[in-house]
Each structure stands twice: as C-alpha cells, then as structure tokens.
Amino acid sequence: MSGDSFLLDGEEIPFDPGQTVIAAARTAGKYIPHLCWHPEFAPHGSCKLCTVRADGRYGSACTLKVAPGMVVENRSAELDDKRRTLLQMLFVEGNHFCPSCEKSGACHLQATAYELGMMTPHFEMLYPDRPVDASHPELLLDFNRCILCELCVRASREVDGKKVFALSGRGIGAHLVVNAVSGRLADTDIDAADRAASVCPVGVILRKRRGFAVPIGERRYDAQPISADREE
C-alpha cells in the first residue's frame, strides 16, 4: 500500500495509486453493491448499482479513481433506495422466478436484492417473450434471466478469445445474442470449461445435469449474505 487513504462511510480505507473506489473497498473487505463489475475484467460502469457519492458528487465506484482524502458515501439510505429502484426495474424487465430457478441461493441479483431489502418490485411486470436455448450438449442458455451485465461477452472475448456472445438492440430492446448464423449455442465453439460458461452472476448460462447438485439452503448466499462474501 502507498500510505494514502480515503473515507468510506466514515471509515479510513487505504488504497494504491490508480485504484478505483470499488477495488480499494473490496481489498479492505468492504462491500459496495454491484452487478456488472468483476475483478477479472476492466470496469464497465453499465449497471449503476455501485453508484456512490464522492466529495458530494455521484459516480460509479467501479470507474471512479480514488484520491487521497476523498470522502465517499456508500451505504446511505438515499443511495440504497436508488439501488432498490434499479433492482426493481431489472426484476420486472426479465422473467425472474426465484423459487424455481436453479441459481436460487447462488444468484448475485437475488442476493443483492436481499441485502438491500428489495422484497417485491413496484413496477408493472413486462413478461418479455424470451427463448431458452438447450441446443448445446453441456450448457443451457435461458435468456429470460439476463441482466445485460455483459460479463459473458467480456469473458468470451477477453479470456476465451472466442466472441461467442454479444449484445444487440438499444434501450428496452437490448438483449443478449449468440454469435452464430443460427443463433444457437450449439453452433459456436463454446466449451463448458470456458470462463464465459461460468461467469454469469444470474441463471442465464447453466451447466446441464447439475442444477440442484447443491441443495437449496446450502448454497453460497444461503450460508452468508452477499455483503460478507469475499469472492466473485
């Protein structure tokens, strides 16, 4: 560490030059709610769930570089209320049925909603008509649960070197697509061992024949809240 520090919710946090707020906070064991950020990839800044107030100005903690003496608000009532609203919009824009989802208990979206006290959406459900792709022998692709974090897109491009996934459309019409003429996952070169196959924070990309190998009640976020988790 360089010896520099900043204040996060009144607590002094050390940081290295060039670190972002969320990276420095994570190193210090402090949780900032997020969905599209992942320590393996460059900051994306799209979900806005990690928005903090730094020296009186709002910014994404995943892209905001720390400065010595900076004063950052993270878990204030105002910011958490805005985060709940963002989560509510994500839930109604997709088809998220947590009790029957194979990812329940290990889902980043679900765990973040519990952490922030978002127990029900306050907007009208959109119930989009999205497909399920079961064409691949080892992987299931359920577009209904996509939150447009682009982690699979980045993992496939930057780690696997395959460019299997991409986003298409704009605004409410934005959606995840498979880079194949047929649009089928089976017609790509993705492998179950690829990083893109395991990086999804929700239940879009799933390994077949493993859905309930870990019983509900014994899963990652059943054991502890996401704010206590130190892994991505």
C-alpha atoms as a PDB file:
ATOM      1  CA  MET A   1       0.000   0.000   0.000  1.00  0.00           C
ATOM      2  CA  SER A   2       1.111   3.553  -0.716  1.00  0.00           C
ATOM      3  CA  GLY A   3       0.079   5.030   2.634  1.00  0.00           C
ATOM      4  CA  ASP A   4      -2.713   7.073   1.056  1.00  0.00           C
ATOM      5  CA  SER A   5      -6.262   6.681   2.328  1.00  0.00           C
ATOM      6  CA  PHE A   6      -9.824   7.873   1.823  1.00  0.00           C
ATOM      7  CA  LEU A   7     -13.009   7.783   3.885  1.00  0.00           C
ATOM      8  CA  LEU A   8     -15.708   5.243   3.053  1.00  0.00           C
ATOM      9  CA  ASP A   9     -18.829   5.729   5.162  1.00  0.00           C
ATOM     10  CA  GLY A  10     -16.652   7.416   7.767  1.00  0.00           C
ATOM     11  CA  GLU A  11     -14.023   4.664   7.895  1.00  0.00           C
ATOM     12  CA  GLU A  12     -10.464   5.243   6.727  1.00  0.00           C
ATOM     13  CA  ILE A  13      -9.582   2.922   3.835  1.00  0.00           C
ATOM     14  CA  PRO A  14      -6.055   2.555   2.392  1.00  0.00           C
ATOM     15  CA  PHE A  15      -5.563   2.402  -1.365  1.00  0.00           C
ATOM     16  CA  ASP A  16      -2.913   2.142  -4.042  1.00  0.00           C
ATOM     17  CA  PRO A  17      -2.495   4.824  -6.724  1.00  0.00           C
ATOM     18  CA  GLY A  18      -4.813   4.177  -9.655  1.00  0.00           C
ATOM     19  CA  GLN A  19      -7.248   2.005  -7.720  1.00  0.00           C
ATOM     20  CA  THR A  20     -10.958   2.533  -8.177  1.00  0.00           C
ATOM     21  CA  VAL A  21     -13.249   3.040  -5.203  1.00  0.00           C
ATOM     22  CA  ILE A  22     -14.779  -0.426  -5.520  1.00  0.00           C
ATOM     23  CA  ALA A  23     -11.402  -2.161  -5.885  1.00  0.00           C
ATOM     24  CA  ALA A  24      -9.958  -0.398  -2.841  1.00  0.00           C
ATOM     25  CA  ALA A  25     -13.099  -1.126  -0.839  1.00  0.00           C
ATOM     26  CA  ARG A  26     -13.013  -4.807  -1.786  1.00  0.00           C
ATOM     27  CA  THR A  27      -9.334  -5.077  -0.817  1.00  0.00           C
ATOM     28  CA  ALA A  28     -10.273  -3.654   2.583  1.00  0.00           C
ATOM     29  CA  GLY A  29     -13.166  -6.119   2.932  1.00  0.00           C
ATOM     30  CA  LYS A  30     -15.884  -3.510   2.397  1.00  0.00           C
ATOM     31  CA  TYR A  31     -18.925  -4.233   0.248  1.00  0.00           C
ATOM     32  CA  ILE A  32     -20.250  -1.881  -2.412  1.00  0.00           C
ATOM     33  CA  PRO A  33     -23.348  -3.293  -4.177  1.00  0.00           C
ATOM     34  CA  HIS A  34     -22.666  -4.108  -7.829  1.00  0.00           C
ATOM     35  CA  LEU A  35     -23.726  -6.386 -10.674  1.00  0.00           C
ATOM     36  CA  CYS A  36     -21.652  -5.715 -13.809  1.00  0.00           C
ATOM     37  CA  TRP A  37     -18.288  -5.237 -12.063  1.00  0.00           C
ATOM     38  CA  HIS A  38     -15.897  -8.174 -11.745  1.00  0.00           C
ATOM     39  CA  PRO A  39     -12.263  -8.037 -10.558  1.00  0.00           C
ATOM     40  CA  GLU A  40     -11.084 -10.073 -13.559  1.00  0.00           C
ATOM     41  CA  PHE A  41     -12.258  -7.505 -16.103  1.00  0.00           C
ATOM     42  CA  ALA A  42     -11.909  -3.808 -16.854  1.00  0.00           C
ATOM     43  CA  PRO A  43     -14.635  -1.618 -15.297  1.00  0.00           C
ATOM     44  CA  HIS A  44     -17.825  -1.451 -17.318  1.00  0.00           C
ATOM     45  CA  GLY A  45     -19.991   1.082 -15.483  1.00  0.00           C
ATOM     46  CA  SER A  46     -23.291  -0.036 -17.001  1.00  0.00           C
ATOM     47  CA  CYS A  47     -25.493  -1.290 -14.148  1.00  0.00           C
ATOM     48  CA  LYS A  48     -25.026   1.842 -11.961  1.00  0.00           C
ATOM     49  CA  LEU A  49     -25.749  -0.196  -8.849  1.00  0.00           C
ATOM     50  CA  CYS A  50     -22.337   0.728  -7.449  1.00  0.00           C
ATOM     51  CA  THR A  51     -23.089   4.462  -7.619  1.00  0.00           C
ATOM     52  CA  VAL A  52     -21.586   6.269  -4.633  1.00  0.00           C
ATOM     53  CA  ARG A  53     -21.331   9.891  -3.579  1.00  0.00           C
ATOM     54  CA  ALA A  54     -17.727  11.073  -3.592  1.00  0.00           C
ATOM     55  CA  ASP A  55     -16.983  14.544  -2.270  1.00  0.00           C
ATOM     56  CA  GLY A  56     -20.620  15.422  -2.893  1.00  0.00           C
ATOM     57  CA  ARG A  57     -20.763  14.160  -6.487  1.00  0.00           C
ATOM     58  CA  TYR A  58     -22.307  10.927  -7.769  1.00  0.00           C
ATOM     59  CA  GLY A  59     -20.191   8.418  -9.668  1.00  0.00           C
ATOM     60  CA  SER A  60     -19.813   4.725 -10.397  1.00  0.00           C
ATOM     61  CA  ALA A  61     -17.483   3.170  -7.834  1.00  0.00           C
ATOM     62  CA  CYS A  62     -16.155   0.755 -10.466  1.00  0.00           C
ATOM     63  CA  THR A  63     -14.814   3.552 -12.685  1.00  0.00           C
ATOM     64  CA  LEU A  64     -14.137   6.317 -10.140  1.00  0.00           C
ATOM     65  CA  LYS A  65     -10.452   6.538  -9.195  1.00  0.00           C
ATOM     66  CA  VAL A  66      -9.676   7.158  -5.541  1.00  0.00           C
ATOM     67  CA  ALA A  67      -7.892  10.348  -4.481  1.00  0.00           C
ATOM     68  CA  PRO A  68      -6.210  10.970  -1.108  1.00  0.00           C
ATOM     69  CA  GLY A  69      -8.653  12.334   1.437  1.00  0.00           C
ATOM     70  CA  MET A  70     -11.697  11.633  -0.729  1.00  0.00           C
ATOM     71  CA  VAL A  71     -14.925  11.295   1.263  1.00  0.00           C
ATOM     72  CA  VAL A  72     -17.198   8.579  -0.129  1.00  0.00           C
ATOM     73  CA  GLU A  73     -20.755   7.724   0.896  1.00  0.00           C
ATOM     74  CA  ASN A  74     -21.776   4.175   0.043  1.00  0.00           C
ATOM     75  CA  ARG A  75     -24.472   2.633   2.235  1.00  0.00           C
ATOM     76  CA  SER A  76     -26.565   5.726   2.894  1.00  0.00           C
ATOM     77  CA  ALA A  77     -30.367   5.481   2.968  1.00  0.00           C
ATOM     78  CA  GLU A  78     -30.566   7.636  -0.166  1.00  0.00           C
ATOM     79  CA  LEU A  79     -28.148   5.516  -2.213  1.00  0.00           C
ATOM     80  CA  ASP A  80     -29.630   2.206  -1.112  1.00  0.00           C
ATOM     81  CA  ASP A  81     -33.092   3.481  -2.029  1.00  0.00           C
ATOM     82  CA  LYS A  82     -31.860   4.300  -5.546  1.00  0.00           C
ATOM     83  CA  ARG A  83     -30.278   0.846  -5.758  1.00  0.00           C
ATOM     84  CA  ARG A  84     -33.552  -0.808  -4.788  1.00  0.00           C
ATOM     85  CA  THR A  85     -35.254   1.068  -7.622  1.00  0.00           C
ATOM     86  CA  LEU A  86     -32.646  -0.160 -10.108  1.00  0.00           C
ATOM     87  CA  LEU A  87     -33.096  -3.719  -8.861  1.00  0.00           C
ATOM     88  CA  GLN A  88     -36.871  -3.448  -9.158  1.00  0.00           C
ATOM     89  CA  MET A  89     -36.513  -2.408 -12.793  1.00  0.00           C
ATOM     90  CA  LEU A  90     -34.194  -5.333 -13.504  1.00  0.00           C
ATOM     91  CA  PHE A  91     -36.645  -7.786 -11.971  1.00  0.00           C
ATOM     92  CA  VAL A  92     -39.642  -6.544 -13.979  1.00  0.00           C
ATOM     93  CA  GLU A  93     -37.713  -6.291 -17.268  1.00  0.00           C
ATOM     94  CA  GLY A  94     -36.901 -10.010 -17.216  1.00  0.00           C
ATOM     95  CA  ASN A  95     -38.591 -13.204 -16.105  1.00  0.00           C
ATOM     96  CA  HIS A  96     -37.090 -13.923 -12.699  1.00  0.00           C
ATOM     97  CA  PHE A  97     -38.901 -16.674 -10.802  1.00  0.00           C
ATOM     98  CA  CYS A  98     -36.505 -17.265  -7.926  1.00  0.00           C
ATOM     99  CA  PRO A  99     -38.234 -20.221  -6.181  1.00  0.00           C
ATOM    100  CA  SER A 100     -37.926 -22.427  -9.279  1.00  0.00           C
ATOM    101  CA  CYS A 101     -34.596 -21.107 -10.593  1.00  0.00           C
ATOM    102  CA  GLU A 102     -31.583 -23.435 -10.471  1.00  0.00           C
ATOM    103  CA  LYS A 103     -29.427 -20.457  -9.480  1.00  0.00           C
ATOM    104  CA  SER A 104     -31.512 -19.575  -6.410  1.00  0.00           C
ATOM    105  CA  GLY A 105     -29.251 -19.181  -3.398  1.00  0.00           C
ATOM    106  CA  ALA A 106     -26.222 -18.594  -5.608  1.00  0.00           C
ATOM    107  CA  CYS A 107     -27.623 -15.727  -7.687  1.00  0.00           C
ATOM    108  CA  HIS A 108     -25.934 -12.340  -7.456  1.00  0.00           C
ATOM    109  CA  LEU A 109     -29.137 -10.476  -8.373  1.00  0.00           C
ATOM    110  CA  GLN A 110     -31.248 -12.305  -5.797  1.00  0.00           C
ATOM    111  CA  ALA A 111     -28.604 -11.937  -3.077  1.00  0.00           C
ATOM    112  CA  THR A 112     -28.211  -8.219  -3.772  1.00  0.00           C
ATOM    113  CA  ALA A 113     -31.970  -7.741  -3.561  1.00  0.00           C
ATOM    114  CA  TYR A 114     -31.995  -9.459  -0.159  1.00  0.00           C
ATOM    115  CA  GLU A 115     -29.041  -7.352   1.004  1.00  0.00           C
ATOM    116  CA  LEU A 116     -30.807  -4.124   0.056  1.00  0.00           C
ATOM    117  CA  GLY A 117     -34.220  -5.178   1.336  1.00  0.00           C
ATOM    118  CA  MET A 118     -35.898  -5.294  -2.085  1.00  0.00           C
ATOM    119  CA  MET A 119     -38.586  -7.871  -1.433  1.00  0.00           C
ATOM    120  CA  THR A 120     -41.046  -7.014  -4.209  1.00  0.00           C
ATOM    121  CA  PRO A 121     -40.975  -4.929  -7.421  1.00  0.00           C
ATOM    122  CA  HIS A 122     -43.011  -1.720  -7.510  1.00  0.00           C
ATOM    123  CA  PHE A 123     -43.333  -1.566 -11.297  1.00  0.00           C
ATOM    124  CA  GLU A 124     -45.558  -3.449 -13.714  1.00  0.00           C
ATOM    125  CA  MET A 125     -44.064  -6.753 -14.852  1.00  0.00           C
ATOM    126  CA  LEU A 126     -43.182  -6.768 -18.557  1.00  0.00           C
ATOM    127  CA  TYR A 127     -43.062 -10.565 -19.009  1.00  0.00           C
ATOM    128  CA  PRO A 128     -40.885 -10.427 -22.151  1.00  0.00           C
ATOM    129  CA  ASP A 129     -41.054 -13.307 -24.606  1.00  0.00           C
ATOM    130  CA  ARG A 130     -37.521 -14.690 -24.492  1.00  0.00           C
ATOM    131  CA  PRO A 131     -36.260 -18.068 -25.697  1.00  0.00           C
ATOM    132  CA  VAL A 132     -34.438 -20.872 -23.919  1.00  0.00           C
ATOM    133  CA  ASP A 133     -31.604 -22.472 -25.895  1.00  0.00           C
ATOM    134  CA  ALA A 134     -30.957 -26.094 -24.949  1.00  0.00           C
ATOM    135  CA  SER A 135     -29.117 -26.957 -28.164  1.00  0.00           C
ATOM    136  CA  HIS A 136     -25.656 -27.301 -26.589  1.00  0.00           C
ATOM    137  CA  PRO A 137     -24.852 -30.738 -25.129  1.00  0.00           C
ATOM    138  CA  GLU A 138     -23.399 -29.330 -21.899  1.00  0.00           C
ATOM    139  CA  LEU A 139     -24.843 -25.845 -21.437  1.00  0.00           C
ATOM    140  CA  LEU A 140     -28.329 -24.365 -21.116  1.00  0.00           C
ATOM    141  CA  LEU A 141     -28.947 -20.756 -22.119  1.00  0.00           C
ATOM    142  CA  ASP A 142     -32.003 -19.064 -20.558  1.00  0.00           C
ATOM    143  CA  PHE A 143     -32.329 -15.518 -21.909  1.00  0.00           C
ATOM    144  CA  ASN A 144     -35.209 -14.768 -19.527  1.00  0.00           C
ATOM    145  CA  ARG A 145     -32.800 -14.086 -16.669  1.00  0.00           C
ATOM    146  CA  CYS A 146     -30.295 -11.840 -18.467  1.00  0.00           C
ATOM    147  CA  ILE A 147     -29.482  -8.527 -16.737  1.00  0.00           C
ATOM    148  CA  LEU A 148     -27.198  -7.232 -19.537  1.00  0.00           C
ATOM    149  CA  CYS A 149     -24.079  -7.150 -17.358  1.00  0.00           C
ATOM    150  CA  GLU A 150     -22.023  -8.312 -20.380  1.00  0.00           C
ATOM    151  CA  LEU A 151     -19.760 -10.458 -18.210  1.00  0.00           C
ATOM    152  CA  CYS A 152     -20.195 -13.423 -20.563  1.00  0.00           C
ATOM    153  CA  VAL A 153     -19.478 -11.144 -23.536  1.00  0.00           C
ATOM    154  CA  ARG A 154     -16.272  -9.863 -21.965  1.00  0.00           C
ATOM    155  CA  ALA A 155     -15.164 -13.282 -20.692  1.00  0.00           C
ATOM    156  CA  SER A 156     -15.646 -14.910 -24.079  1.00  0.00           C
ATOM    157  CA  ARG A 157     -13.783 -12.121 -25.853  1.00  0.00           C
ATOM    158  CA  GLU A 158     -11.011 -11.318 -23.366  1.00  0.00           C
ATOM    159  CA  VAL A 159     -10.341 -14.678 -21.698  1.00  0.00           C
ATOM    160  CA  ASP A 160     -11.573 -17.385 -24.068  1.00  0.00           C
ATOM    161  CA  GLY A 161     -10.790 -15.495 -27.282  1.00  0.00           C
ATOM    162  CA  LYS A 162     -13.978 -16.731 -28.938  1.00  0.00           C
ATOM    163  CA  LYS A 163     -16.557 -13.898 -29.064  1.00  0.00           C
ATOM    164  CA  VAL A 164     -19.462 -16.285 -28.509  1.00  0.00           C
ATOM    165  CA  PHE A 165     -21.806 -13.638 -27.063  1.00  0.00           C
ATOM    166  CA  ALA A 166     -22.786 -10.057 -27.902  1.00  0.00           C
ATOM    167  CA  LEU A 167     -25.483  -7.520 -27.121  1.00  0.00           C
ATOM    168  CA  SER A 168     -27.926  -6.395 -29.782  1.00  0.00           C
ATOM    169  CA  GLY A 169     -30.557  -3.659 -29.836  1.00  0.00           C
ATOM    170  CA  ARG A 170     -30.873  -0.457 -27.851  1.00  0.00           C
ATOM    171  CA  GLY A 171     -32.724   0.702 -24.747  1.00  0.00           C
ATOM    172  CA  ILE A 172     -35.526  -1.602 -23.634  1.00  0.00           C
ATOM    173  CA  GLY A 173     -34.870  -3.658 -26.771  1.00  0.00           C
ATOM    174  CA  ALA A 174     -31.290  -4.515 -25.813  1.00  0.00           C
ATOM    175  CA  HIS A 175     -30.738  -8.252 -25.491  1.00  0.00           C
ATOM    176  CA  LEU A 176     -28.062 -10.927 -25.396  1.00  0.00           C
ATOM    177  CA  VAL A 177     -27.391 -12.826 -28.624  1.00  0.00           C
ATOM    178  CA  VAL A 178     -25.255 -15.783 -29.660  1.00  0.00           C
ATOM    179  CA  ASN A 179     -22.708 -15.085 -32.395  1.00  0.00           C
ATOM    180  CA  ALA A 180     -23.808 -17.792 -34.799  1.00  0.00           C
ATOM    181  CA  VAL A 181     -25.816 -17.541 -38.006  1.00  0.00           C
ATOM    182  CA  SER A 182     -28.398 -19.858 -36.474  1.00  0.00           C
ATOM    183  CA  GLY A 183     -28.340 -18.058 -33.117  1.00  0.00           C
ATOM    184  CA  ARG A 184     -27.907 -21.449 -31.425  1.00  0.00           C
ATOM    185  CA  LEU A 185     -25.270 -22.054 -28.770  1.00  0.00           C
ATOM    186  CA  ALA A 186     -24.553 -25.487 -30.255  1.00  0.00           C
ATOM    187  CA  ASP A 187     -23.296 -23.795 -33.416  1.00  0.00           C
ATOM    188  CA  THR A 188     -20.496 -21.956 -31.586  1.00  0.00           C
ATOM    189  CA  ASP A 189     -17.172 -23.202 -30.252  1.00  0.00           C
ATOM    190  CA  ILE A 190     -18.012 -22.527 -26.589  1.00  0.00           C
ATOM    191  CA  ASP A 191     -16.872 -25.194 -24.156  1.00  0.00           C
ATOM    192  CA  ALA A 192     -18.210 -25.894 -20.680  1.00  0.00           C
ATOM    193  CA  ALA A 193     -14.716 -25.183 -19.309  1.00  0.00           C
ATOM    194  CA  ASP A 194     -14.650 -21.669 -20.815  1.00  0.00           C
ATOM    195  CA  ARG A 195     -14.721 -18.679 -18.466  1.00  0.00           C
ATOM    196  CA  ALA A 196     -17.809 -17.395 -20.258  1.00  0.00           C
ATOM    197  CA  ALA A 197     -19.665 -20.538 -19.224  1.00  0.00           C
ATOM    198  CA  SER A 198     -19.175 -19.895 -15.504  1.00  0.00           C
ATOM    199  CA  VAL A 199     -19.044 -16.110 -15.089  1.00  0.00           C
ATOM    200  CA  CYS A 200     -22.793 -15.372 -15.286  1.00  0.00           C
ATOM    201  CA  PRO A 201     -23.955 -13.831 -11.972  1.00  0.00           C
ATOM    202  CA  VAL A 202     -27.551 -14.953 -12.517  1.00  0.00           C
ATOM    203  CA  GLY A 203     -29.124 -18.036 -14.117  1.00  0.00           C
ATOM    204  CA  VAL A 204     -28.612 -17.421 -17.828  1.00  0.00           C
ATOM    205  CA  ILE A 205     -25.758 -19.852 -18.539  1.00  0.00           C
ATOM    206  CA  LEU A 206     -26.083 -23.125 -16.670  1.00  0.00           C
ATOM    207  CA  ARG A 207     -24.302 -26.464 -16.769  1.00  0.00           C
ATOM    208  CA  LYS A 208     -26.693 -29.250 -17.665  1.00  0.00           C
ATOM    209  CA  ARG A 209     -27.331 -32.113 -15.225  1.00  0.00           C
ATOM    210  CA  ARG A 210     -26.040 -30.075 -12.266  1.00  0.00           C
ATOM    211  CA  GLY A 211     -28.998 -27.824 -11.466  1.00  0.00           C
ATOM    212  CA  PHE A 212     -29.708 -28.974  -7.923  1.00  0.00           C
ATOM    213  CA  ALA A 213     -26.463 -30.774  -7.073  1.00  0.00           C
ATOM    214  CA  VAL A 214     -26.148 -28.404  -4.099  1.00  0.00           C
ATOM    215  CA  PRO A 215     -29.450 -28.410  -2.183  1.00  0.00           C
ATOM    216  CA  ILE A 216     -31.326 -25.153  -1.679  1.00  0.00           C
ATOM    217  CA  GLY A 217     -30.469 -23.915   1.792  1.00  0.00           C
ATOM    218  CA  GLU A 218     -26.820 -24.918   1.443  1.00  0.00           C
ATOM    219  CA  ARG A 219     -25.842 -22.629  -1.400  1.00  0.00           C
ATOM    220  CA  ARG A 220     -23.404 -19.737  -1.471  1.00  0.00           C
ATOM    221  CA  TYR A 221     -25.695 -16.938  -0.331  1.00  0.00           C
ATOM    222  CA  ASP A 222     -27.814 -19.189   1.870  1.00  0.00           C
ATOM    223  CA  ALA A 223     -24.823 -19.506   4.186  1.00  0.00           C
ATOM    224  CA  GLN A 224     -23.967 -15.798   4.349  1.00  0.00           C
ATOM    225  CA  PRO A 225     -25.199 -12.510   2.870  1.00  0.00           C
ATOM    226  CA  ILE A 226     -23.516 -11.175  -0.235  1.00  0.00           C
ATOM    227  CA  SER A 227     -22.041  -8.299   1.786  1.00  0.00           C
ATOM    228  CA  ALA A 228     -19.971 -10.849   3.732  1.00  0.00           C
ATOM    229  CA  ASP A 229     -18.803 -12.673   0.602  1.00  0.00           C
ATOM    230  CA  ARG A 230     -15.213 -12.092  -0.483  1.00  0.00           C
ATOM    231  CA  GLU A 231     -15.293 -13.878  -3.831  1.00  0.00           C
ATOM    232  CA  GLU A 232     -16.820 -13.089  -7.214  1.00  0.00           C
END
